[in-house]
Structures are given as C-alpha cells and as structure tokens.
Amino acid sequence: SAQLDDHLDDIIKMIDFTKGHIEKLGGNATVVPNPVDSAEKPLPPILIGEFNVDPSKKTVCVYGHLDVQPAKKEDGWNTEPFVLTEIDGKLYGRGSTDDKGPALSWLWIIYLHQKLGKELPINVKLLFEGMEEYGSEGLFEFIHEESKPGKFLDDVDFFAISDNYWISETKPCLTYGLRGLAYYEIVVEGGERDLHSGSIGGTVFEPMTDLIKLMGTLVDSSGKILVDGVMDSVQELTPEEEALYDNLTFDMEAYKVDNGIKNVTDKLLHDNKKALLMHRWRYPTLSLHGIEGAFSGKGAKTVIPGKVIGKFSMRLVPDQDPEVIEKLVAEHLEKEFQKLNSPNKLKVEMVHGSGAWVSDTKHPNFAAAARAIEKVYGSAPDYTREGGSIPITSALENATGMNVLLLPIGACDDGAHSQNEKYNISNLVNGVKVLGAYLHELGKIEGPKPSKCKCVPLTEEEMMIPGAFAFMRGFGCKCVM
C-alpha cells in the first residue's frame, strides 16, 4: 500500500514485476530513480516502458499507478484485501479498480496483438508510478525534465489515463474535466501542553473553542461557501456545456445507496440530476475534514488541547486561481479570528493547491476514444466531469502541450479507497476491448504527429472556423484544416 514506512519494498516489488512483464512482451522498460529520493526519505522509483512500432507513426503514452490505499480485513472487508478473490463475476481486492486493474490492462492489449499476429497501429509508451496515493512526489519533476527535446515524453502525441470511474454501473463515459484542490490547515495554539479540564477549565482561553468557531464560518449546512469572493471567478455556465448534462445516465437513488445515505437521511443537497451533478463537478465546494490534536478515541478524556489543527479543503473549478483563493481564505479566517478577541495564536496554511482542468470533447483524442466505446458497447459514451482531482492530468498537458484523455473503465460502485473494492470481470474484458479499439482509432487520425508539427498556430479568426477548436491542443495548426 501507499504507507511508505511499512510498504516501500512492496511497491518496489510491484514495479519490478511490471517491468519484467513489459520486457517479457518485448518492450523496453526502465526503472528511473525518483528525482526527489533521498537517504532521509527514500521513495519508490518511476517505471517507463515503450513498444515502438515506427517512429513516423503517432505515439500514445498511458499513465497508471501501481500503489494502493492501505487496507486491513478488520476494517470491514469480506475477503482478504490483498488476495484477489472472484465472487459472482466481481474481482475483490485492494487496487483491483484503483488502479492496478486498469493500468495493467494496457499490457493485455500488447499481449493480444502479439497473440493475433497483429502489429500495433501506433507506438505505445507507459508511465507508471508508485506514489499516486501519497501525492506523486517526484513525478512532476520527472515530467518537467522528460518533456524536454529528445527526452521520453517529447514525441508523445496523445495521453490516456484510466484512473477514474463511470457515473453509472452500466454506461461508459469519457471525462473531460476535473476540479482542482486547495487543502488547508488552521492552527490554533494556546499553550505548550494539554491541560486537565477539571483543574484548569474556566481559567484559560481554549484553542478548541476558537477553532470550532472559525471552522463554522467557512461553510453552512446547505453547502454554501461563506468566504467572500471565492465565487467571483467561477466560469459562467454556457448553453453548450449545460446541454452535456441533459442525457447523462445517472441514478440518484442508486447514488444514495452507493454512498450510504439511503438508510440514514435519504436526502441529497439537490433534488434533480442536473443540479446535483453540476454541484458535484463544475461548482466549487468546501469540506471540513477533521481536527488534529483533539481527543477522538473511545471513552471519555477530559483534556483541554494546547494546540489543535483544523483541516479542510476546497475543490476548485475554472477559472479559480489557487493563489487568489488562498489569499481570500486567509483574509476571511484572520478577520473572523479578530472578532473572537482571543489571545491564542492563529496560523493559516494552504498545504497543497492545484487548479482545475477542462479539455475539449471534440479533440481527435476524445473522438477516437468515443468511436472505440461505440464499437464495443454499441452506443456513444456519456461525457462527464469529476469532482475530484488528478494533478497528473494538468501536469502532462502543461509540460507537453498535448491532449490528455481520461478514459475510465471501472463502474461507479467499484468502491475505490473503500472496503470491498472490486472490479467487474465484464468491465475488465470490455475495457481491454475498448483500449485496443482506441489504439486503432488513434492510428486512423490523419495529419502530422502533433508533437512534431511546426506549423504556424491558427489565428483567432481561423480558430472561429467551425471545427477548428477541436485541434487547439496538439492540432493547433493549418495542415489538418
């Protein structure tokens, strides 16, 4: 799992296993030391592989991660989490759907082409890491370096990532947007150590009281963010975007069941599909996560914490800037803290910030994946966004200028990060078919390699020509018009 102190060797073992499998299939594979690895903090390496057909053909790079969330059977699993177990057409095990199953499905594609005596239609590169569940430390530095001329990512024309999920149990989708993330800590300190509430209570300013008050000023029970200014930069909803929500396959009652709400409150913040999905995907949210330093164990402990750390995060959307949001949140909390007239010490820190990502569903990369899904499933995919963040998506696109596609294979009820995580065998089999068809659809795309095209970019007037916007990423040139 991603607990490095206990499982670094297991992650490295998985990387070495995958490297051996790539080489067994005739590919080239290299284990690259993590750029930020150190003796004080050893980190797993990065695995790159490639199956080169013809340098003149286009190249797709697929990303996946081989680390997983921690899991123990006593957490509530019905089976041993690290023993893949088949029950009623479902493969149960930690990492089955997030992300070992989808990531390693690409190797099935290579194997099947060889088994059938078929040449790959394009070049395939693989980028696998073992740190995704731990913040992808070192991967962003690797991407920056390997996007330079002549390096591993320099000739990549398309990227594909299968590390998210359908929004239903039966209907495939393509994902074109992700929310960003701003994660915060509020530190309130009143003393050097914890105190006894019986002996000391009533004589000191308690940090927990201040913290609870501050966290209560951030968001209300209806989900409305109470920080002034954070909504000002949210991108306006266009009729074209709104239309994408009209025919999505989404069951609100199943959503309640899948998230454990049906038998408790049986109520969601929004009572129709479109509003619910928009607030899940394209509007910002603020969630309170917990308090470090406070007593949270079983039983009773009459303690006054000397220092407490409140943790919360915001999911950001276009066009919110993490740095601007950081300033607005800090100003809000400092203003509210002043109202308390407390002598305690306040510190507000944004631990991590990343912007949102939105792509173009008309890009040839998306069009190829849509045709592949239609071939396998007999119908066009839904086009969805995700409420979560996959920072690697923006990192790849920003570093290379090439289009990144999110091509989910797993179903909405797979339970990634949860107990009894599973991967439907039907999703596995059909997913492999989709990935194979996708490669062949990419091979049909005409025009030069986007990574090598040196044409003059389209002017603003030319970008107004119907269909031109589809080529903005990786095809922003005149030779394909």
Protein backbone atom coordinates (compact mmCIF):
# COMPACT_ATOMS: atom_id res chain seq x y z
CA SER A 1 0.00 0.00 0.00
CA ALA A 2 0.96 3.69 -0.04
CA GLN A 3 2.19 3.57 3.59
CA LEU A 4 5.85 4.04 2.71
CA ASP A 5 7.25 3.32 6.17
CA ASP A 6 5.87 -0.22 6.04
CA HIS A 7 5.40 -0.97 2.35
CA LEU A 8 8.11 0.75 0.29
CA ASP A 9 9.63 -2.63 -0.54
CA ASP A 10 6.23 -3.96 -1.65
CA ILE A 11 5.76 -1.02 -4.03
CA ILE A 12 9.22 -1.54 -5.49
CA LYS A 13 8.43 -5.25 -5.87
CA MET A 14 5.29 -4.37 -7.86
CA ILE A 15 7.26 -2.00 -10.07
CA ASP A 16 9.90 -4.67 -10.73
CA PHE A 17 7.19 -7.23 -11.53
CA THR A 18 5.61 -4.87 -14.07
CA LYS A 19 8.99 -4.08 -15.60
CA GLY A 20 9.60 -7.80 -16.09
CA HIS A 21 6.20 -8.23 -17.71
CA ILE A 22 6.84 -5.38 -20.17
CA GLU A 23 10.18 -6.93 -21.12
CA LYS A 24 8.61 -10.37 -21.46
CA LEU A 25 6.27 -8.87 -24.06
CA GLY A 26 9.23 -7.49 -25.98
CA GLY A 27 9.05 -3.89 -24.80
CA ASN A 28 11.77 -1.68 -23.41
CA ALA A 29 11.43 -0.86 -19.72
CA THR A 30 13.48 1.32 -17.42
CA VAL A 31 13.23 1.91 -13.68
CA VAL A 32 14.11 5.57 -13.11
CA PRO A 33 15.20 6.75 -9.65
CA ASN A 34 12.72 9.15 -8.10
CA PRO A 35 14.05 12.70 -8.65
CA VAL A 36 13.39 13.71 -5.04
CA ASP A 37 14.50 10.45 -3.41
CA SER A 38 16.92 10.88 -0.51
CA ALA A 39 18.53 8.86 2.26
CA GLU A 40 16.32 10.65 4.77
CA LYS A 41 13.19 9.97 2.73
CA PRO A 42 13.52 7.01 0.36
CA LEU A 43 10.85 6.96 -2.34
CA PRO A 44 9.83 4.37 -4.94
CA PRO A 45 11.22 4.77 -8.46
CA ILE A 46 9.25 5.59 -11.61
CA LEU A 47 8.74 2.95 -14.32
CA ILE A 48 8.74 3.85 -18.00
CA GLY A 49 8.23 1.47 -20.88
CA GLU A 50 7.70 1.58 -24.62
CA PHE A 51 6.62 -0.55 -27.54
CA ASN A 52 7.96 1.18 -30.63
CA VAL A 53 6.46 0.27 -33.99
CA ASP A 54 7.57 3.05 -36.31
CA PRO A 55 8.97 6.49 -35.35
CA SER A 56 6.91 8.08 -38.13
CA LYS A 57 3.69 6.82 -36.54
CA LYS A 58 1.89 8.62 -33.77
CA THR A 59 2.60 7.82 -30.13
CA VAL A 60 0.27 7.47 -27.16
CA CYS A 61 1.51 7.49 -23.59
CA VAL A 62 -0.64 5.82 -20.95
CA TYR A 63 -0.31 6.65 -17.26
CA GLY A 64 -1.17 4.46 -14.31
CA HIS A 65 -0.19 3.93 -10.69
CA LEU A 66 0.80 0.68 -9.01
CA ASP A 67 0.48 1.78 -5.37
CA VAL A 68 -2.81 1.42 -3.50
CA GLN A 69 -4.62 2.67 -0.41
CA PRO A 70 -3.93 0.88 2.90
CA ALA A 71 -6.38 -1.90 3.80
CA LYS A 72 -6.92 -4.47 6.54
CA LYS A 73 -9.56 -7.18 6.72
CA GLU A 74 -10.64 -5.93 10.14
CA ASP A 75 -11.57 -2.59 8.54
CA GLY A 76 -14.72 -4.29 7.26
CA TRP A 77 -13.58 -6.33 4.27
CA ASN A 78 -15.44 -9.54 3.50
CA THR A 79 -12.29 -11.03 1.93
CA GLU A 80 -8.55 -10.62 2.40
CA PRO A 81 -7.88 -7.24 0.73
CA PHE A 82 -4.53 -8.28 -0.75
CA VAL A 83 -5.73 -11.62 -2.12
CA LEU A 84 -7.65 -11.13 -5.37
CA THR A 85 -10.92 -13.02 -4.90
CA GLU A 86 -13.58 -13.68 -7.54
CA ILE A 87 -17.20 -13.72 -6.33
CA ASP A 88 -20.18 -13.61 -8.71
CA GLY A 89 -18.27 -12.08 -11.60
CA LYS A 90 -16.52 -9.48 -9.46
CA LEU A 91 -12.83 -9.33 -8.57
CA TYR A 92 -12.42 -8.15 -4.97
CA GLY A 93 -9.13 -6.77 -3.71
CA ARG A 94 -7.31 -3.56 -2.92
CA GLY A 95 -6.15 -1.95 -6.15
CA SER A 96 -8.38 -4.07 -8.36
CA THR A 97 -10.02 -0.96 -9.81
CA ASP A 98 -7.70 1.75 -8.41
CA ASP A 99 -5.50 1.45 -10.35
CA LYS A 100 -3.72 -1.86 -10.96
CA GLY A 101 -6.54 -3.44 -12.96
CA PRO A 102 -6.98 -0.60 -15.48
CA ALA A 103 -3.26 0.25 -15.62
CA LEU A 104 -2.12 -3.28 -16.35
CA SER A 105 -4.92 -3.80 -18.89
CA TRP A 106 -2.67 -1.99 -21.38
CA LEU A 107 -0.28 -4.93 -21.20
CA TRP A 108 -3.16 -7.23 -22.14
CA ILE A 109 -3.57 -5.15 -25.31
CA ILE A 110 0.07 -5.71 -26.23
CA TYR A 111 -0.21 -9.42 -25.49
CA LEU A 112 -3.38 -9.85 -27.56
CA HIS A 113 -1.85 -8.09 -30.58
CA GLN A 114 1.09 -10.47 -30.39
CA LYS A 115 -1.19 -13.47 -29.92
CA LEU A 116 -3.19 -12.50 -33.01
CA GLY A 117 -0.09 -11.68 -35.04
CA LYS A 118 -1.18 -8.06 -35.41
CA GLU A 119 1.18 -5.09 -35.41
CA LEU A 120 0.34 -2.24 -33.06
CA PRO A 121 -1.19 0.63 -35.06
CA ILE A 122 0.81 3.27 -33.16
CA ASN A 123 3.71 3.48 -30.74
CA VAL A 124 2.80 2.92 -27.08
CA LYS A 125 4.61 4.38 -24.09
CA LEU A 126 3.90 3.55 -20.46
CA LEU A 127 4.37 5.79 -17.42
CA PHE A 128 3.77 4.00 -14.11
CA GLU A 129 4.42 5.37 -10.64
CA GLY A 130 4.20 4.09 -7.08
CA MET A 131 3.41 7.33 -5.27
CA GLU A 132 -0.03 8.43 -6.52
CA GLU A 133 -1.79 7.71 -3.22
CA TYR A 134 0.97 9.63 -1.44
CA GLY A 135 0.97 12.81 -3.53
CA SER A 136 3.01 11.66 -6.59
CA GLU A 137 6.19 13.04 -5.05
CA GLY A 138 8.89 13.32 -7.70
CA LEU A 139 6.64 12.63 -10.65
CA PHE A 140 6.07 16.28 -11.53
CA GLU A 141 9.82 16.90 -11.58
CA PHE A 142 10.21 13.84 -13.81
CA ILE A 143 7.55 15.09 -16.24
CA HIS A 144 9.15 18.52 -16.43
CA GLU A 145 12.55 17.02 -17.25
CA GLU A 146 11.35 14.30 -19.63
CA SER A 147 9.26 16.73 -21.72
CA LYS A 148 12.41 18.44 -22.96
CA PRO A 149 13.61 17.87 -26.56
CA GLY A 150 14.80 14.32 -27.16
CA LYS A 151 13.52 13.02 -23.82
CA PHE A 152 10.96 10.28 -23.10
CA LEU A 153 7.81 12.42 -23.40
CA ASP A 154 8.98 14.70 -26.21
CA ASP A 155 7.46 12.63 -29.05
CA VAL A 156 4.17 11.76 -27.32
CA ASP A 157 1.14 12.87 -29.35
CA PHE A 158 -1.69 11.74 -27.05
CA PHE A 159 -2.05 10.82 -23.38
CA ALA A 160 -4.60 8.45 -21.88
CA ILE A 161 -5.36 7.87 -18.18
CA SER A 162 -7.72 5.24 -16.79
CA ASP A 163 -7.85 6.25 -13.13
CA ASN A 164 -11.45 7.34 -12.62
CA TYR A 165 -14.90 5.80 -12.99
CA TRP A 166 -18.20 5.82 -14.81
CA ILE A 167 -21.05 7.73 -13.18
CA SER A 168 -23.31 4.70 -13.53
CA GLU A 169 -22.94 0.94 -13.21
CA THR A 170 -23.59 0.21 -16.89
CA LYS A 171 -22.88 3.23 -19.14
CA PRO A 172 -19.30 4.02 -20.27
CA CYS A 173 -18.14 7.62 -20.26
CA LEU A 174 -15.26 9.90 -21.18
CA THR A 175 -14.15 12.50 -18.67
CA TYR A 176 -13.24 15.98 -19.85
CA GLY A 177 -12.96 17.97 -16.60
CA LEU A 178 -11.57 17.77 -13.07
CA ARG A 179 -11.84 20.08 -10.11
CA GLY A 180 -8.69 21.43 -8.53
CA LEU A 181 -7.81 21.23 -4.86
CA ALA A 182 -6.79 23.69 -2.14
CA TYR A 183 -6.07 21.90 1.16
CA TYR A 184 -5.76 23.97 4.32
CA GLU A 185 -4.70 23.68 7.93
CA ILE A 186 -5.82 26.13 10.64
CA VAL A 187 -3.53 26.01 13.66
CA VAL A 188 -4.76 27.50 16.93
CA GLU A 189 -2.30 27.37 19.83
CA GLY A 190 -2.93 28.44 23.40
CA GLY A 191 -0.31 26.65 25.47
CA GLU A 192 2.71 24.40 25.46
CA ARG A 193 0.83 21.26 26.53
CA ASP A 194 -2.61 19.74 27.08
CA LEU A 195 -4.40 20.59 30.31
CA HIS A 196 -6.93 18.99 32.69
CA SER A 197 -10.41 20.46 32.21
CA GLY A 198 -11.29 19.96 35.86
CA SER A 199 -8.23 21.65 37.32
CA ILE A 200 -7.72 24.31 34.67
CA GLY A 201 -11.04 24.71 32.85
CA GLY A 202 -12.52 28.20 33.20
CA THR A 203 -9.15 29.90 33.57
CA VAL A 204 -7.62 29.69 30.08
CA PHE A 205 -8.62 30.56 26.52
CA GLU A 206 -9.22 27.16 24.95
CA PRO A 207 -7.86 26.66 21.41
CA MET A 208 -10.56 24.13 20.54
CA THR A 209 -13.31 26.65 21.18
CA ASP A 210 -11.67 29.14 18.83
CA LEU A 211 -11.07 26.53 16.15
CA ILE A 212 -14.65 25.22 16.16
CA LYS A 213 -15.91 28.78 15.85
CA LEU A 214 -13.57 29.51 12.92
CA MET A 215 -14.43 26.34 11.03
CA GLY A 216 -18.10 27.14 11.45
CA THR A 217 -17.61 30.38 9.50
CA LEU A 218 -16.40 28.64 6.33
CA VAL A 219 -19.48 26.80 5.05
CA ASP A 220 -23.10 26.33 6.07
CA SER A 221 -25.16 23.15 6.31
CA SER A 222 -26.54 23.60 2.80
CA GLY A 223 -23.03 23.56 1.33
CA LYS A 224 -22.88 27.31 0.66
CA ILE A 225 -19.32 28.65 0.91
CA LEU A 226 -19.25 31.63 3.27
CA VAL A 227 -15.87 33.06 2.25
CA ASP A 228 -16.37 36.34 0.39
CA GLY A 229 -15.06 36.49 -3.17
CA VAL A 230 -14.45 32.79 -3.87
CA MET A 231 -17.37 32.53 -6.30
CA ASP A 232 -16.42 35.64 -8.28
CA SER A 233 -14.07 33.83 -10.67
CA VAL A 234 -16.22 30.75 -11.33
CA GLN A 235 -16.61 30.27 -15.08
CA GLU A 236 -20.11 31.01 -16.33
CA LEU A 237 -22.26 28.12 -17.49
CA THR A 238 -22.77 28.17 -21.25
CA PRO A 239 -25.76 26.63 -23.06
CA GLU A 240 -23.36 24.22 -24.81
CA GLU A 241 -21.98 22.98 -21.51
CA GLU A 242 -25.39 22.73 -19.89
CA ALA A 243 -26.61 20.57 -22.78
CA LEU A 244 -23.98 17.94 -21.92
CA TYR A 245 -25.88 17.19 -18.69
CA ASP A 246 -29.27 16.58 -20.30
CA ASN A 247 -28.92 12.94 -21.31
CA LEU A 248 -26.40 11.62 -18.80
CA THR A 249 -27.14 8.18 -17.39
CA PHE A 250 -27.27 8.77 -13.65
CA ASP A 251 -29.49 7.20 -10.96
CA MET A 252 -29.93 9.43 -7.93
CA GLU A 253 -31.46 6.66 -5.82
CA ALA A 254 -28.54 4.33 -6.58
CA TYR A 255 -26.21 7.23 -5.73
CA LYS A 256 -27.77 7.40 -2.27
CA VAL A 257 -27.33 3.66 -1.78
CA ASP A 258 -23.75 3.60 -3.06
CA ASN A 259 -22.76 6.39 -0.67
CA GLY A 260 -24.54 5.03 2.40
CA ILE A 261 -27.13 7.81 2.55
CA LYS A 262 -30.32 5.97 1.62
CA ASN A 263 -30.92 4.31 5.00
CA VAL A 264 -29.82 7.28 7.11
CA THR A 265 -31.19 10.59 5.77
CA ASP A 266 -32.40 9.57 2.30
CA LYS A 267 -31.76 13.16 1.22
CA LEU A 268 -29.25 14.94 -1.02
CA LEU A 269 -28.40 18.65 -1.26
CA HIS A 270 -30.10 18.88 -4.67
CA ASP A 271 -33.25 17.15 -5.84
CA ASN A 272 -32.60 16.83 -9.57
CA LYS A 273 -29.86 15.16 -11.61
CA LYS A 274 -28.57 18.22 -13.43
CA ALA A 275 -28.22 20.38 -10.33
CA LEU A 276 -26.62 17.56 -8.35
CA LEU A 277 -24.02 16.75 -10.99
CA MET A 278 -23.19 20.40 -11.60
CA HIS A 279 -22.50 20.92 -7.90
CA ARG A 280 -20.51 17.70 -7.87
CA TRP A 281 -18.39 18.65 -10.90
CA ARG A 282 -18.43 22.27 -12.06
CA TYR A 283 -19.03 24.34 -8.92
CA PRO A 284 -16.58 24.74 -6.01
CA THR A 285 -17.14 23.11 -2.64
CA LEU A 286 -15.66 23.45 0.83
CA SER A 287 -15.50 20.41 3.12
CA LEU A 288 -14.39 20.13 6.75
CA HIS A 289 -12.25 17.02 7.36
CA GLY A 290 -11.09 16.81 10.94
CA ILE A 291 -9.11 18.16 13.87
CA GLU A 292 -5.61 17.03 14.74
CA GLY A 293 -4.64 17.28 18.42
CA ALA A 294 -8.17 16.75 19.72
CA PHE A 295 -9.24 13.63 21.57
CA SER A 296 -11.03 11.26 19.18
CA GLY A 297 -10.67 7.83 20.76
CA LYS A 298 -13.23 5.69 22.54
CA GLY A 299 -14.27 6.54 26.07
CA ALA A 300 -14.01 9.85 27.90
CA LYS A 301 -10.92 12.03 28.23
CA THR A 302 -11.30 15.39 29.95
CA VAL A 303 -8.49 17.21 28.21
CA ILE A 304 -8.03 20.79 27.02
CA PRO A 305 -5.74 20.54 23.96
CA GLY A 306 -2.87 23.02 23.97
CA LYS A 307 -2.79 23.14 20.18
CA VAL A 308 -5.31 21.98 17.60
CA ILE A 309 -5.12 21.85 13.82
CA GLY A 310 -8.30 22.04 11.79
CA LYS A 311 -8.20 20.50 8.32
CA PHE A 312 -10.44 21.45 5.43
CA SER A 313 -10.26 21.71 1.68
CA MET A 314 -11.87 23.40 -1.27
CA ARG A 315 -12.46 21.83 -4.66
CA LEU A 316 -11.70 24.48 -7.26
CA VAL A 317 -13.17 24.98 -10.72
CA PRO A 318 -12.32 27.07 -13.79
CA ASP A 319 -11.30 29.91 -13.53
CA GLN A 320 -10.40 29.89 -9.85
CA ASP A 321 -6.71 30.54 -9.15
CA PRO A 322 -5.36 28.61 -6.11
CA GLU A 323 -3.17 31.56 -5.09
CA VAL A 324 -6.08 34.00 -5.18
CA ILE A 325 -8.29 31.57 -3.24
CA GLU A 326 -5.51 31.11 -0.67
CA LYS A 327 -5.43 34.87 -0.03
CA LEU A 328 -9.23 35.12 0.26
CA VAL A 329 -9.45 32.23 2.74
CA ALA A 330 -6.60 33.57 4.89
CA GLU A 331 -8.16 37.05 5.00
CA HIS A 332 -11.54 35.57 5.95
CA LEU A 333 -10.14 33.49 8.82
CA GLU A 334 -7.98 36.30 10.17
CA LYS A 335 -10.97 38.65 10.13
CA GLU A 336 -13.17 36.11 11.93
CA PHE A 337 -10.41 35.38 14.46
CA GLN A 338 -10.16 39.07 15.33
CA LYS A 339 -13.86 39.02 16.26
CA LEU A 340 -13.14 36.41 18.96
CA ASN A 341 -10.81 38.72 20.92
CA SER A 342 -8.71 35.67 21.74
CA PRO A 343 -5.02 35.85 22.74
CA ASN A 344 -4.40 32.43 21.23
CA LYS A 345 -2.08 32.18 18.24
CA LEU A 346 -3.53 31.60 14.76
CA LYS A 347 -1.74 30.23 11.70
CA VAL A 348 -3.45 29.51 8.36
CA GLU A 349 -1.60 27.46 5.74
CA MET A 350 -2.55 26.12 2.33
CA VAL A 351 -0.76 22.77 2.33
CA HIS A 352 -1.46 22.00 -1.31
CA GLY A 353 -3.06 23.83 -4.21
CA SER A 354 -3.78 22.83 -7.80
CA GLY A 355 -6.01 24.33 -10.47
CA ALA A 356 -8.92 22.73 -12.26
CA TRP A 357 -8.59 21.04 -15.66
CA VAL A 358 -11.05 21.07 -18.56
CA SER A 359 -10.47 19.62 -22.01
CA ASP A 360 -12.30 19.70 -25.34
CA THR A 361 -14.61 16.77 -26.07
CA LYS A 362 -14.21 17.39 -29.82
CA HIS A 363 -10.45 16.83 -29.81
CA PRO A 364 -9.34 13.89 -32.03
CA ASN A 365 -8.07 12.06 -28.94
CA PHE A 366 -11.57 12.13 -27.41
CA ALA A 367 -13.20 11.36 -30.75
CA ALA A 368 -11.03 8.24 -31.14
CA ALA A 369 -11.99 7.00 -27.67
CA ALA A 370 -15.69 7.70 -28.33
CA ARG A 371 -15.60 5.64 -31.53
CA ALA A 372 -13.87 2.80 -29.66
CA ILE A 373 -16.55 2.76 -26.96
CA GLU A 374 -19.31 2.80 -29.57
CA LYS A 375 -17.73 -0.19 -31.33
CA VAL A 376 -17.56 -2.24 -28.12
CA TYR A 377 -20.75 -1.16 -26.35
CA GLY A 378 -22.92 -0.21 -29.32
CA SER A 379 -23.69 3.30 -28.09
CA ALA A 380 -21.92 6.62 -27.64
CA PRO A 381 -20.37 7.39 -24.23
CA ASP A 382 -21.55 9.96 -21.74
CA TYR A 383 -19.28 12.99 -21.36
CA THR A 384 -18.61 13.68 -17.70
CA ARG A 385 -16.53 15.72 -15.34
CA GLU A 386 -15.13 14.61 -11.98
CA GLY A 387 -15.43 16.29 -8.63
CA GLY A 388 -12.01 15.07 -7.58
CA SER A 389 -8.51 15.99 -8.67
CA ILE A 390 -5.93 14.10 -10.74
CA PRO A 391 -2.98 16.54 -10.78
CA ILE A 392 -1.01 14.39 -13.24
CA THR A 393 -3.55 15.37 -15.93
CA SER A 394 -2.70 19.07 -15.92
CA ALA A 395 0.98 18.34 -15.38
CA LEU A 396 1.23 16.26 -18.55
CA GLU A 397 -0.79 18.69 -20.64
CA ASN A 398 1.05 21.78 -19.43
CA ALA A 399 4.50 20.24 -19.87
CA THR A 400 3.97 18.79 -23.35
CA GLY A 401 1.12 20.78 -24.89
CA MET A 402 -0.52 17.52 -25.92
CA ASN A 403 -4.10 16.45 -25.21
CA VAL A 404 -4.86 14.28 -22.18
CA LEU A 405 -7.84 11.91 -22.21
CA LEU A 406 -9.48 10.41 -19.14
CA LEU A 407 -10.80 7.02 -20.21
CA PRO A 408 -12.45 5.33 -17.21
CA ILE A 409 -13.04 1.58 -17.23
CA GLY A 410 -14.43 0.90 -13.76
CA ALA A 411 -18.06 1.28 -12.65
CA CYS A 412 -19.37 3.84 -10.17
CA ASP A 413 -19.93 1.20 -7.47
CA ASP A 414 -16.39 -0.24 -7.53
CA GLY A 415 -15.60 1.26 -4.12
CA ALA A 416 -12.12 2.65 -4.74
CA HIS A 417 -10.47 3.59 -1.40
CA SER A 418 -13.28 1.79 0.43
CA GLN A 419 -13.82 -1.64 1.94
CA ASN A 420 -14.56 -4.44 -0.53
CA GLU A 421 -13.12 -2.61 -3.53
CA LYS A 422 -13.96 -4.60 -6.67
CA TYR A 423 -13.56 -4.71 -10.43
CA ASN A 424 -16.27 -6.33 -12.55
CA ILE A 425 -14.93 -9.01 -14.86
CA SER A 426 -17.24 -7.61 -17.55
CA ASN A 427 -15.59 -4.21 -17.15
CA LEU A 428 -12.16 -5.83 -17.35
CA VAL A 429 -12.95 -7.75 -20.56
CA ASN A 430 -14.81 -4.93 -22.30
CA GLY A 431 -12.28 -2.41 -21.04
CA VAL A 432 -9.47 -4.30 -22.74
CA LYS A 433 -11.51 -4.30 -25.95
CA VAL A 434 -12.08 -0.53 -25.69
CA LEU A 435 -8.40 0.17 -25.10
CA GLY A 436 -7.46 -1.93 -28.12
CA ALA A 437 -10.04 -0.27 -30.36
CA TYR A 438 -8.88 3.12 -29.10
CA LEU A 439 -5.32 2.44 -30.28
CA HIS A 440 -6.59 1.56 -33.74
CA GLU A 441 -8.80 4.65 -33.88
CA LEU A 442 -5.80 6.79 -32.98
CA GLY A 443 -3.91 5.11 -35.80
CA LYS A 444 -6.51 6.36 -38.28
CA ILE A 445 -6.00 10.03 -37.42
CA GLU A 446 -4.52 11.86 -40.39
CA GLY A 447 -2.04 14.69 -40.38
CA PRO A 448 1.41 15.07 -38.88
CA LYS A 449 2.49 13.96 -35.44
CA PRO A 450 1.15 16.72 -33.15
CA SER A 451 4.33 16.59 -31.08
CA LYS A 452 6.47 17.35 -34.15
CA CYS A 453 4.25 19.71 -36.14
CA LYS A 454 5.94 23.08 -36.63
CA CYS A 455 3.12 24.82 -38.49
CA VAL A 456 2.24 28.39 -37.63
CA PRO A 457 -0.54 28.35 -34.99
CA LEU A 458 -4.03 29.27 -36.12
CA THR A 459 -5.03 32.92 -35.86
CA GLU A 460 -8.02 33.98 -33.78
CA GLU A 461 -10.06 34.37 -36.99
CA GLU A 462 -9.12 30.87 -38.16
CA MET A 463 -10.00 29.46 -34.75
CA MET A 464 -13.55 30.71 -35.34
CA ILE A 465 -13.96 28.34 -38.30
CA PRO A 466 -16.37 25.52 -37.31
CA GLY A 467 -14.38 22.53 -36.10
CA ALA A 468 -11.13 24.42 -35.64
CA PHE A 469 -11.34 24.42 -31.85
CA ALA A 470 -11.11 20.63 -31.91
CA PHE A 471 -7.47 20.97 -32.90
CA MET A 472 -6.47 23.52 -30.31
CA ARG A 473 -4.48 21.05 -28.25
CA GLY A 474 -1.89 19.17 -30.28
CA PHE A 475 -3.54 20.08 -33.58
CA GLY A 476 -3.33 23.87 -33.46
CA CYS A 477 -2.00 24.10 -36.99
CA LYS A 478 -3.17 24.66 -40.58
CA CYS A 479 -2.06 21.38 -42.12
CA VAL A 480 -5.06 19.49 -40.70
CA MET A 481 -7.73 22.06 -41.62
